[in-house]
Amino acid sequence: MINDLSKDEKEQLKLLYNKEIHCPVCDSKFHVKAVKSSSYRLNSKDSDFFLRYALINPYFYDVWLCNECGYSALKVDFPNIRRHQKQLVLDKISPKWKRRYYDEVFNVDIAIERYKLALLNYTLAEGKASQKAMTCLKLAWMYRLKNNNKSEETYLTNALKGFIEAYESEEFPIFGMDKYTIMYLIGELNRRLGDKDKALLWFSYVITTPNVSYKLKSMARDQRDLIKEEEIFKNKNLADSTSEKSHSNDKGWISKLFR
């Protein structure tokens, strides 16, 4: 109920509206919460394309869910389900489905649950690798908001595997990203997961390929340079540590002579 909402939630509620949706699986109609286009306020952008918003977080409302049959997907995919996938939803999800009830204003925990429901649908209904990868990436972003590094890493790993598979087998664009943007993203996910050699390889593809946009090449160079700077800093610290240890050993050896 509106009276039970906090002041901040009441303000967020003003930025939402109800949108009627038709379920392509069971033909029922239902309403989803959607963010008014005038309410988007971008604060910053992470290097793996995570957009950070002020006022309200649109990612919280990115999954549409039919409470009648249990079908759920990213809103961009929701209407585009194939016939055999509909049957898989009806066979594998609907019989076990229990209705979900959510607050009027979603938070990060609600978003995580809904993304996981979408991921379950993509998995059981034989969704594309890119669909599962994008859902995993957005789950990683949600865990980033919670500062849950372990879960973020888990979903970044799954996202990376999915995007590599999509890069090798699917047509472009993929979620609005061309081939070279996906190449950059694969490089960046490798970097975030600590595989710097693979990250540098993917970034080099982007940097050296003709006709790639200046902006994307610049992003790839920035991340390549970041890796190199981190390596220089790491090697310097290692050298300082080794020198300090050696000096300490020398002092210990000399002191023994005067005991």
C-alpha atoms as a PDB file:
ATOM      1  CA  MET A   1       0.000   0.000   0.000  1.00  0.00           C
ATOM      2  CA  ILE A   2       1.136   3.555  -0.737  1.00  0.00           C
ATOM      3  CA  ASN A   3       0.839   4.581   2.929  1.00  0.00           C
ATOM      4  CA  ASP A   4       3.373   1.899   3.861  1.00  0.00           C
ATOM      5  CA  LEU A   5       6.029   3.293   1.530  1.00  0.00           C
ATOM      6  CA  SER A   6       8.977   5.338   2.741  1.00  0.00           C
ATOM      7  CA  LYS A   7       9.365   8.928   1.604  1.00  0.00           C
ATOM      8  CA  ASP A   8      12.014   7.894  -0.933  1.00  0.00           C
ATOM      9  CA  GLU A   9       9.805   5.093  -2.279  1.00  0.00           C
ATOM     10  CA  LYS A  10       6.873   7.472  -2.660  1.00  0.00           C
ATOM     11  CA  GLU A  11       9.092   9.747  -4.733  1.00  0.00           C
ATOM     12  CA  GLN A  12      10.171   6.805  -6.890  1.00  0.00           C
ATOM     13  CA  LEU A  13       6.570   5.722  -7.358  1.00  0.00           C
ATOM     14  CA  LYS A  14       5.877   9.055  -9.049  1.00  0.00           C
ATOM     15  CA  LEU A  15       8.469   8.136 -11.672  1.00  0.00           C
ATOM     16  CA  LEU A  16       6.684   4.893 -12.592  1.00  0.00           C
ATOM     17  CA  TYR A  17       3.615   4.056 -14.609  1.00  0.00           C
ATOM     18  CA  ASN A  18       1.656   0.868 -15.297  1.00  0.00           C
ATOM     19  CA  LYS A  19       1.935  -0.670 -18.737  1.00  0.00           C
ATOM     20  CA  GLU A  20      -0.376  -3.414 -20.011  1.00  0.00           C
ATOM     21  CA  ILE A  21       1.408  -6.421 -21.473  1.00  0.00           C
ATOM     22  CA  HIS A  22       0.159  -9.436 -23.411  1.00  0.00           C
ATOM     23  CA  CYS A  23       1.779 -12.750 -22.516  1.00  0.00           C
ATOM     24  CA  PRO A  24       2.827 -14.576 -25.709  1.00  0.00           C
ATOM     25  CA  VAL A  25       2.811 -17.922 -23.885  1.00  0.00           C
ATOM     26  CA  CYS A  26      -0.589 -18.105 -22.149  1.00  0.00           C
ATOM     27  CA  ASP A  27      -2.360 -15.118 -23.796  1.00  0.00           C
ATOM     28  CA  SER A  28      -3.189 -13.483 -20.478  1.00  0.00           C
ATOM     29  CA  LYS A  29      -2.878  -9.732 -19.955  1.00  0.00           C
ATOM     30  CA  PHE A  30      -1.125  -8.128 -17.018  1.00  0.00           C
ATOM     31  CA  HIS A  31       0.497  -4.867 -15.954  1.00  0.00           C
ATOM     32  CA  VAL A  32       4.174  -4.140 -15.407  1.00  0.00           C
ATOM     33  CA  LYS A  33       5.882  -1.228 -13.729  1.00  0.00           C
ATOM     34  CA  ALA A  34       7.801   0.930 -16.191  1.00  0.00           C
ATOM     35  CA  VAL A  35      10.025   3.953 -15.667  1.00  0.00           C
ATOM     36  CA  LYS A  36       8.866   7.170 -17.298  1.00  0.00           C
ATOM     37  CA  SER A  37      11.302   8.210 -20.018  1.00  0.00           C
ATOM     38  CA  SER A  38      11.566  11.676 -18.460  1.00  0.00           C
ATOM     39  CA  SER A  39      12.826  10.112 -15.208  1.00  0.00           C
ATOM     40  CA  TYR A  40      16.145   8.760 -16.502  1.00  0.00           C
ATOM     41  CA  ARG A  41      19.048  10.609 -14.857  1.00  0.00           C
ATOM     42  CA  LEU A  42      22.452   9.148 -15.674  1.00  0.00           C
ATOM     43  CA  ASN A  43      25.152   9.546 -13.026  1.00  0.00           C
ATOM     44  CA  SER A  44      28.043   7.533 -14.446  1.00  0.00           C
ATOM     45  CA  LYS A  45      28.984   4.561 -16.608  1.00  0.00           C
ATOM     46  CA  ASP A  46      31.185   1.635 -15.611  1.00  0.00           C
ATOM     47  CA  SER A  47      33.703   0.207 -18.072  1.00  0.00           C
ATOM     48  CA  ASP A  48      31.522  -2.882 -18.701  1.00  0.00           C
ATOM     49  CA  PHE A  49      28.562  -0.669 -19.723  1.00  0.00           C
ATOM     50  CA  PHE A  50      26.761  -0.646 -16.372  1.00  0.00           C
ATOM     51  CA  LEU A  51      24.888   2.658 -16.220  1.00  0.00           C
ATOM     52  CA  ARG A  52      24.452   4.200 -12.782  1.00  0.00           C
ATOM     53  CA  TYR A  53      21.312   6.288 -12.393  1.00  0.00           C
ATOM     54  CA  ALA A  54      20.062   8.892  -9.952  1.00  0.00           C
ATOM     55  CA  LEU A  55      16.420   9.145  -8.792  1.00  0.00           C
ATOM     56  CA  ILE A  56      15.425   5.617  -9.823  1.00  0.00           C
ATOM     57  CA  ASN A  57      17.160   2.530 -11.203  1.00  0.00           C
ATOM     58  CA  PRO A  58      15.602   1.320 -14.492  1.00  0.00           C
ATOM     59  CA  TYR A  59      17.459  -2.007 -14.214  1.00  0.00           C
ATOM     60  CA  PHE A  60      15.120  -2.964 -11.378  1.00  0.00           C
ATOM     61  CA  TYR A  61      12.225  -3.033 -13.875  1.00  0.00           C
ATOM     62  CA  ASP A  62      14.017  -4.710 -16.776  1.00  0.00           C
ATOM     63  CA  VAL A  63      12.358  -8.128 -16.390  1.00  0.00           C
ATOM     64  CA  TRP A  64       8.736  -8.741 -17.318  1.00  0.00           C
ATOM     65  CA  LEU A  65       6.975 -11.597 -15.571  1.00  0.00           C
ATOM     66  CA  CYS A  66       3.642 -13.248 -16.295  1.00  0.00           C
ATOM     67  CA  ASN A  67       2.237 -14.432 -12.981  1.00  0.00           C
ATOM     68  CA  GLU A  68      -0.237 -16.756 -14.695  1.00  0.00           C
ATOM     69  CA  CYS A  69       2.173 -19.105 -16.447  1.00  0.00           C
ATOM     70  CA  GLY A  70       5.560 -18.111 -15.002  1.00  0.00           C
ATOM     71  CA  TYR A  71       7.068 -16.918 -18.268  1.00  0.00           C
ATOM     72  CA  SER A  72       9.657 -14.196 -17.686  1.00  0.00           C
ATOM     73  CA  ALA A  73      12.310 -12.534 -19.805  1.00  0.00           C
ATOM     74  CA  LEU A  74      14.150  -9.286 -20.300  1.00  0.00           C
ATOM     75  CA  LYS A  75      11.568  -6.819 -21.570  1.00  0.00           C
ATOM     76  CA  VAL A  76      13.356  -6.463 -24.907  1.00  0.00           C
ATOM     77  CA  ASP A  77      12.962 -10.230 -25.445  1.00  0.00           C
ATOM     78  CA  PHE A  78       9.568 -10.792 -23.859  1.00  0.00           C
ATOM     79  CA  PRO A  79       7.389 -10.790 -27.015  1.00  0.00           C
ATOM     80  CA  ASN A  80       9.958 -12.658 -29.117  1.00  0.00           C
ATOM     81  CA  ILE A  81       9.524 -16.231 -27.980  1.00  0.00           C
ATOM     82  CA  ARG A  82       9.415 -19.047 -30.545  1.00  0.00           C
ATOM     83  CA  ARG A  83       6.707 -21.689 -30.736  1.00  0.00           C
ATOM     84  CA  HIS A  84       8.779 -24.565 -29.377  1.00  0.00           C
ATOM     85  CA  GLN A  85       9.983 -22.314 -26.536  1.00  0.00           C
ATOM     86  CA  LYS A  86       6.389 -21.540 -25.555  1.00  0.00           C
ATOM     87  CA  GLN A  87       5.754 -25.247 -25.208  1.00  0.00           C
ATOM     88  CA  LEU A  88       8.895 -25.673 -23.106  1.00  0.00           C
ATOM     89  CA  VAL A  89       7.679 -22.943 -20.739  1.00  0.00           C
ATOM     90  CA  LEU A  90       4.266 -24.606 -20.479  1.00  0.00           C
ATOM     91  CA  ASP A  91       5.850 -28.022 -19.898  1.00  0.00           C
ATOM     92  CA  LYS A  92       8.756 -27.156 -17.604  1.00  0.00           C
ATOM     93  CA  ILE A  93       7.846 -23.935 -15.795  1.00  0.00           C
ATOM     94  CA  SER A  94       4.081 -23.478 -15.632  1.00  0.00           C
ATOM     95  CA  PRO A  95       3.265 -26.751 -13.766  1.00  0.00           C
ATOM     96  CA  LYS A  96       5.590 -25.765 -10.893  1.00  0.00           C
ATOM     97  CA  TRP A  97       4.890 -22.038 -10.966  1.00  0.00           C
ATOM     98  CA  LYS A  98       3.813 -20.224  -7.805  1.00  0.00           C
ATOM     99  CA  ARG A  99       2.686 -16.636  -8.106  1.00  0.00           C
ATOM    100  CA  ARG A 100       5.074 -13.931  -6.911  1.00  0.00           C
ATOM    101  CA  TYR A 101       3.965 -10.792  -5.112  1.00  0.00           C
ATOM    102  CA  TYR A 102       6.189  -7.735  -5.082  1.00  0.00           C
ATOM    103  CA  ASP A 103       6.174  -4.291  -3.516  1.00  0.00           C
ATOM    104  CA  GLU A 104       5.033  -1.417  -5.690  1.00  0.00           C
ATOM    105  CA  VAL A 105       8.563  -0.027  -5.786  1.00  0.00           C
ATOM    106  CA  PHE A 106      11.268  -2.560  -6.608  1.00  0.00           C
ATOM    107  CA  ASN A 107      14.670  -2.734  -4.915  1.00  0.00           C
ATOM    108  CA  VAL A 108      17.886  -4.539  -5.774  1.00  0.00           C
ATOM    109  CA  ASP A 109      16.826  -7.791  -4.067  1.00  0.00           C
ATOM    110  CA  ILE A 110      13.557  -7.925  -6.002  1.00  0.00           C
ATOM    111  CA  ALA A 111      15.492  -7.203  -9.189  1.00  0.00           C
ATOM    112  CA  ILE A 112      17.898 -10.070  -8.473  1.00  0.00           C
ATOM    113  CA  GLU A 113      15.021 -12.507  -7.967  1.00  0.00           C
ATOM    114  CA  ARG A 114      13.366 -11.423 -11.204  1.00  0.00           C
ATOM    115  CA  TYR A 115      16.595 -11.636 -13.208  1.00  0.00           C
ATOM    116  CA  LYS A 116      17.094 -15.161 -11.867  1.00  0.00           C
ATOM    117  CA  LEU A 117      13.575 -16.094 -12.949  1.00  0.00           C
ATOM    118  CA  ALA A 118      14.366 -14.780 -16.432  1.00  0.00           C
ATOM    119  CA  LEU A 119      17.627 -16.752 -16.465  1.00  0.00           C
ATOM    120  CA  LEU A 120      15.723 -19.894 -15.483  1.00  0.00           C
ATOM    121  CA  ASN A 121      13.315 -19.330 -18.384  1.00  0.00           C
ATOM    122  CA  TYR A 122      16.140 -18.787 -20.861  1.00  0.00           C
ATOM    123  CA  THR A 123      17.842 -21.952 -19.625  1.00  0.00           C
ATOM    124  CA  LEU A 124      14.816 -24.275 -19.615  1.00  0.00           C
ATOM    125  CA  ALA A 125      13.319 -22.839 -22.810  1.00  0.00           C
ATOM    126  CA  GLU A 126      16.565 -23.082 -24.781  1.00  0.00           C
ATOM    127  CA  GLY A 127      17.265 -19.374 -25.043  1.00  0.00           C
ATOM    128  CA  LYS A 128      20.219 -17.970 -26.949  1.00  0.00           C
ATOM    129  CA  ALA A 129      23.651 -17.788 -25.390  1.00  0.00           C
ATOM    130  CA  SER A 130      23.479 -13.996 -25.658  1.00  0.00           C
ATOM    131  CA  GLN A 131      20.202 -13.880 -23.710  1.00  0.00           C
ATOM    132  CA  LYS A 132      21.664 -15.868 -20.850  1.00  0.00           C
ATOM    133  CA  ALA A 133      24.890 -13.864 -21.004  1.00  0.00           C
ATOM    134  CA  MET A 134      23.136 -10.496 -20.825  1.00  0.00           C
ATOM    135  CA  THR A 135      20.972 -11.654 -17.929  1.00  0.00           C
ATOM    136  CA  CYS A 136      24.067 -12.879 -16.074  1.00  0.00           C
ATOM    137  CA  LEU A 137      25.803  -9.565 -16.749  1.00  0.00           C
ATOM    138  CA  LYS A 138      22.881  -7.629 -15.298  1.00  0.00           C
ATOM    139  CA  LEU A 139      22.817  -9.950 -12.288  1.00  0.00           C
ATOM    140  CA  ALA A 140      26.511  -9.182 -11.783  1.00  0.00           C
ATOM    141  CA  TRP A 141      25.680  -5.474 -11.856  1.00  0.00           C
ATOM    142  CA  MET A 142      22.984  -5.947  -9.231  1.00  0.00           C
ATOM    143  CA  TYR A 143      25.437  -7.750  -6.959  1.00  0.00           C
ATOM    144  CA  ARG A 144      27.902  -4.916  -7.581  1.00  0.00           C
ATOM    145  CA  LEU A 145      25.331  -2.551  -6.116  1.00  0.00           C
ATOM    146  CA  LYS A 146      25.258  -4.786  -3.022  1.00  0.00           C
ATOM    147  CA  ASN A 147      29.090  -4.941  -2.869  1.00  0.00           C
ATOM    148  CA  ASN A 148      28.839  -8.732  -3.085  1.00  0.00           C
ATOM    149  CA  ASN A 149      32.100  -9.399  -4.917  1.00  0.00           C
ATOM    150  CA  LYS A 150      31.840 -13.192  -4.878  1.00  0.00           C
ATOM    151  CA  SER A 151      28.408 -13.327  -6.526  1.00  0.00           C
ATOM    152  CA  GLU A 152      29.362 -10.560  -8.945  1.00  0.00           C
ATOM    153  CA  GLU A 153      32.385 -12.582 -10.060  1.00  0.00           C
ATOM    154  CA  THR A 154      30.264 -15.719 -10.480  1.00  0.00           C
ATOM    155  CA  TYR A 155      27.838 -14.003 -12.825  1.00  0.00           C
ATOM    156  CA  LEU A 156      30.574 -12.109 -14.680  1.00  0.00           C
ATOM    157  CA  THR A 157      32.202 -15.489 -15.366  1.00  0.00           C
ATOM    158  CA  ASN A 158      28.951 -16.900 -16.745  1.00  0.00           C
ATOM    159  CA  ALA A 159      28.370 -13.735 -18.770  1.00  0.00           C
ATOM    160  CA  LEU A 160      31.843 -14.003 -20.295  1.00  0.00           C
ATOM    161  CA  LYS A 161      31.285 -17.621 -21.359  1.00  0.00           C
ATOM    162  CA  GLY A 162      27.945 -16.711 -22.899  1.00  0.00           C
ATOM    163  CA  PHE A 163      29.233 -13.693 -24.815  1.00  0.00           C
ATOM    164  CA  ILE A 164      32.136 -15.703 -26.245  1.00  0.00           C
ATOM    165  CA  GLU A 165      29.659 -18.350 -27.431  1.00  0.00           C
ATOM    166  CA  ALA A 166      27.385 -15.657 -28.868  1.00  0.00           C
ATOM    167  CA  TYR A 167      30.338 -13.972 -30.598  1.00  0.00           C
ATOM    168  CA  GLU A 168      31.219 -17.256 -32.285  1.00  0.00           C
ATOM    169  CA  SER A 169      27.720 -18.398 -33.245  1.00  0.00           C
ATOM    170  CA  GLU A 170      25.156 -15.568 -33.361  1.00  0.00           C
ATOM    171  CA  GLU A 171      24.421 -12.801 -35.815  1.00  0.00           C
ATOM    172  CA  PHE A 172      25.112  -9.179 -34.949  1.00  0.00           C
ATOM    173  CA  PRO A 173      23.962  -6.859 -33.523  1.00  0.00           C
ATOM    174  CA  ILE A 174      23.539  -8.537 -30.139  1.00  0.00           C
ATOM    175  CA  PHE A 175      21.465  -6.452 -27.726  1.00  0.00           C
ATOM    176  CA  GLY A 176      22.298  -3.424 -29.856  1.00  0.00           C
ATOM    177  CA  MET A 177      26.036  -4.163 -29.807  1.00  0.00           C
ATOM    178  CA  ASP A 178      28.041  -4.720 -32.980  1.00  0.00           C
ATOM    179  CA  LYS A 179      30.869  -7.234 -33.325  1.00  0.00           C
ATOM    180  CA  TYR A 180      33.560  -4.865 -32.072  1.00  0.00           C
ATOM    181  CA  THR A 181      31.584  -3.733 -29.040  1.00  0.00           C
ATOM    182  CA  ILE A 182      31.164  -7.384 -28.056  1.00  0.00           C
ATOM    183  CA  MET A 183      34.912  -7.866 -28.558  1.00  0.00           C
ATOM    184  CA  TYR A 184      35.584  -4.954 -26.216  1.00  0.00           C
ATOM    185  CA  LEU A 185      33.116  -6.313 -23.653  1.00  0.00           C
ATOM    186  CA  ILE A 186      34.752  -9.751 -23.736  1.00  0.00           C
ATOM    187  CA  GLY A 187      38.096  -8.067 -23.140  1.00  0.00           C
ATOM    188  CA  GLU A 188      36.731  -6.017 -20.257  1.00  0.00           C
ATOM    189  CA  LEU A 189      35.095  -9.019 -18.582  1.00  0.00           C
ATOM    190  CA  ASN A 190      38.394 -10.892 -18.839  1.00  0.00           C
ATOM    191  CA  ARG A 191      40.138  -7.910 -17.235  1.00  0.00           C
ATOM    192  CA  ARG A 192      37.657  -7.752 -14.369  1.00  0.00           C
ATOM    193  CA  LEU A 193      38.070 -11.479 -13.781  1.00  0.00           C
ATOM    194  CA  GLY A 194      41.859 -11.185 -13.647  1.00  0.00           C
ATOM    195  CA  ASP A 195      42.799 -12.761 -17.000  1.00  0.00           C
ATOM    196  CA  LYS A 196      44.898  -9.851 -18.209  1.00  0.00           C
ATOM    197  CA  ASP A 197      46.558 -11.669 -21.116  1.00  0.00           C
ATOM    198  CA  LYS A 198      43.226 -12.518 -22.721  1.00  0.00           C
ATOM    199  CA  ALA A 199      41.935  -9.037 -21.963  1.00  0.00           C
ATOM    200  CA  LEU A 200      44.911  -7.461 -23.751  1.00  0.00           C
ATOM    201  CA  LEU A 201      44.377  -9.760 -26.727  1.00  0.00           C
ATOM    202  CA  TRP A 202      40.731  -8.751 -27.157  1.00  0.00           C
ATOM    203  CA  PHE A 203      41.505  -5.070 -26.620  1.00  0.00           C
ATOM    204  CA  SER A 204      44.243  -5.275 -29.271  1.00  0.00           C
ATOM    205  CA  TYR A 205      41.729  -6.675 -31.774  1.00  0.00           C
ATOM    206  CA  VAL A 206      39.534  -3.629 -31.215  1.00  0.00           C
ATOM    207  CA  ILE A 207      42.413  -1.146 -31.344  1.00  0.00           C
ATOM    208  CA  THR A 208      44.028  -2.526 -34.529  1.00  0.00           C
ATOM    209  CA  THR A 209      40.897  -3.248 -36.573  1.00  0.00           C
ATOM    210  CA  PRO A 210      40.097  -0.594 -39.205  1.00  0.00           C
ATOM    211  CA  ASN A 211      36.696   1.146 -39.213  1.00  0.00           C
ATOM    212  CA  VAL A 212      36.089   0.639 -35.484  1.00  0.00           C
ATOM    213  CA  SER A 213      34.694   3.825 -33.956  1.00  0.00           C
ATOM    214  CA  TYR A 214      37.135   6.229 -32.315  1.00  0.00           C
ATOM    215  CA  LYS A 215      35.147   6.096 -29.065  1.00  0.00           C
ATOM    216  CA  LEU A 216      35.358   2.298 -28.801  1.00  0.00           C
ATOM    217  CA  LYS A 217      39.061   2.271 -29.682  1.00  0.00           C
ATOM    218  CA  SER A 218      39.652   4.916 -27.030  1.00  0.00           C
ATOM    219  CA  MET A 219      37.838   2.792 -24.432  1.00  0.00           C
ATOM    220  CA  ALA A 220      39.945  -0.246 -25.383  1.00  0.00           C
ATOM    221  CA  ARG A 221      43.156   1.808 -25.124  1.00  0.00           C
ATOM    222  CA  ASP A 222      42.148   3.114 -21.709  1.00  0.00           C
ATOM    223  CA  GLN A 223      41.607  -0.408 -20.383  1.00  0.00           C
ATOM    224  CA  ARG A 224      44.807  -1.676 -22.008  1.00  0.00           C
ATOM    225  CA  ASP A 225      46.754   1.171 -20.389  1.00  0.00           C
ATOM    226  CA  LEU A 226      45.072   0.465 -17.047  1.00  0.00           C
ATOM    227  CA  ILE A 227      46.315  -3.132 -17.154  1.00  0.00           C
ATOM    228  CA  LYS A 228      49.852  -1.988 -17.976  1.00  0.00           C
ATOM    229  CA  GLU A 229      49.811   0.610 -15.187  1.00  0.00           C
ATOM    230  CA  GLU A 230      48.634  -2.015 -12.704  1.00  0.00           C
ATOM    231  CA  GLU A 231      51.453  -4.340 -13.804  1.00  0.00           C
ATOM    232  CA  ILE A 232      54.052  -1.579 -13.379  1.00  0.00           C
ATOM    233  CA  PHE A 233      52.701  -0.780  -9.908  1.00  0.00           C
ATOM    234  CA  LYS A 234      52.648  -4.471  -8.980  1.00  0.00           C
ATOM    235  CA  ASN A 235      56.233  -5.030 -10.163  1.00  0.00           C
ATOM    236  CA  LYS A 236      57.434  -1.922  -8.319  1.00  0.00           C
ATOM    237  CA  ASN A 237      55.850  -3.111  -5.073  1.00  0.00           C
ATOM    238  CA  LEU A 238      57.362  -6.562  -5.588  1.00  0.00           C
ATOM    239  CA  ALA A 239      60.803  -5.057  -6.165  1.00  0.00           C
ATOM    240  CA  ASP A 240      60.487  -2.835  -3.081  1.00  0.00           C
ATOM    241  CA  SER A 241      59.371  -5.806  -0.998  1.00  0.00           C
ATOM    242  CA  THR A 242      62.271  -7.956  -2.232  1.00  0.00           C
ATOM    243  CA  SER A 243      64.767  -5.162  -1.555  1.00  0.00           C
ATOM    244  CA  GLU A 244      63.416  -4.618   1.950  1.00  0.00           C
ATOM    245  CA  LYS A 245      63.579  -8.343   2.699  1.00  0.00           C
ATOM    246  CA  SER A 246      67.155  -8.553   1.401  1.00  0.00           C
ATOM    247  CA  HIS A 247      68.189  -5.548   3.513  1.00  0.00           C
ATOM    248  CA  SER A 248      66.622  -7.145   6.568  1.00  0.00           C
ATOM    249  CA  ASN A 249      68.520 -10.389   5.956  1.00  0.00           C
ATOM    250  CA  ASP A 250      71.793  -8.474   5.588  1.00  0.00           C
ATOM    251  CA  LYS A 251      71.224  -6.710   8.901  1.00  0.00           C
ATOM    252  CA  GLY A 252      70.480 -10.025  10.546  1.00  0.00           C
ATOM    253  CA  TRP A 253      73.674 -11.604   9.198  1.00  0.00           C
ATOM    254  CA  ILE A 254      75.835  -8.642  10.312  1.00  0.00           C
ATOM    255  CA  SER A 255      74.325  -8.515  13.784  1.00  0.00           C
ATOM    256  CA  LYS A 256      75.245 -12.155  14.385  1.00  0.00           C
ATOM    257  CA  LEU A 257      78.941 -11.256  14.057  1.00  0.00           C
ATOM    258  CA  PHE A 258      78.766  -8.991  17.095  1.00  0.00           C
ATOM    259  CA  ARG A 259      76.870 -11.261  19.465  1.00  0.00           C
END
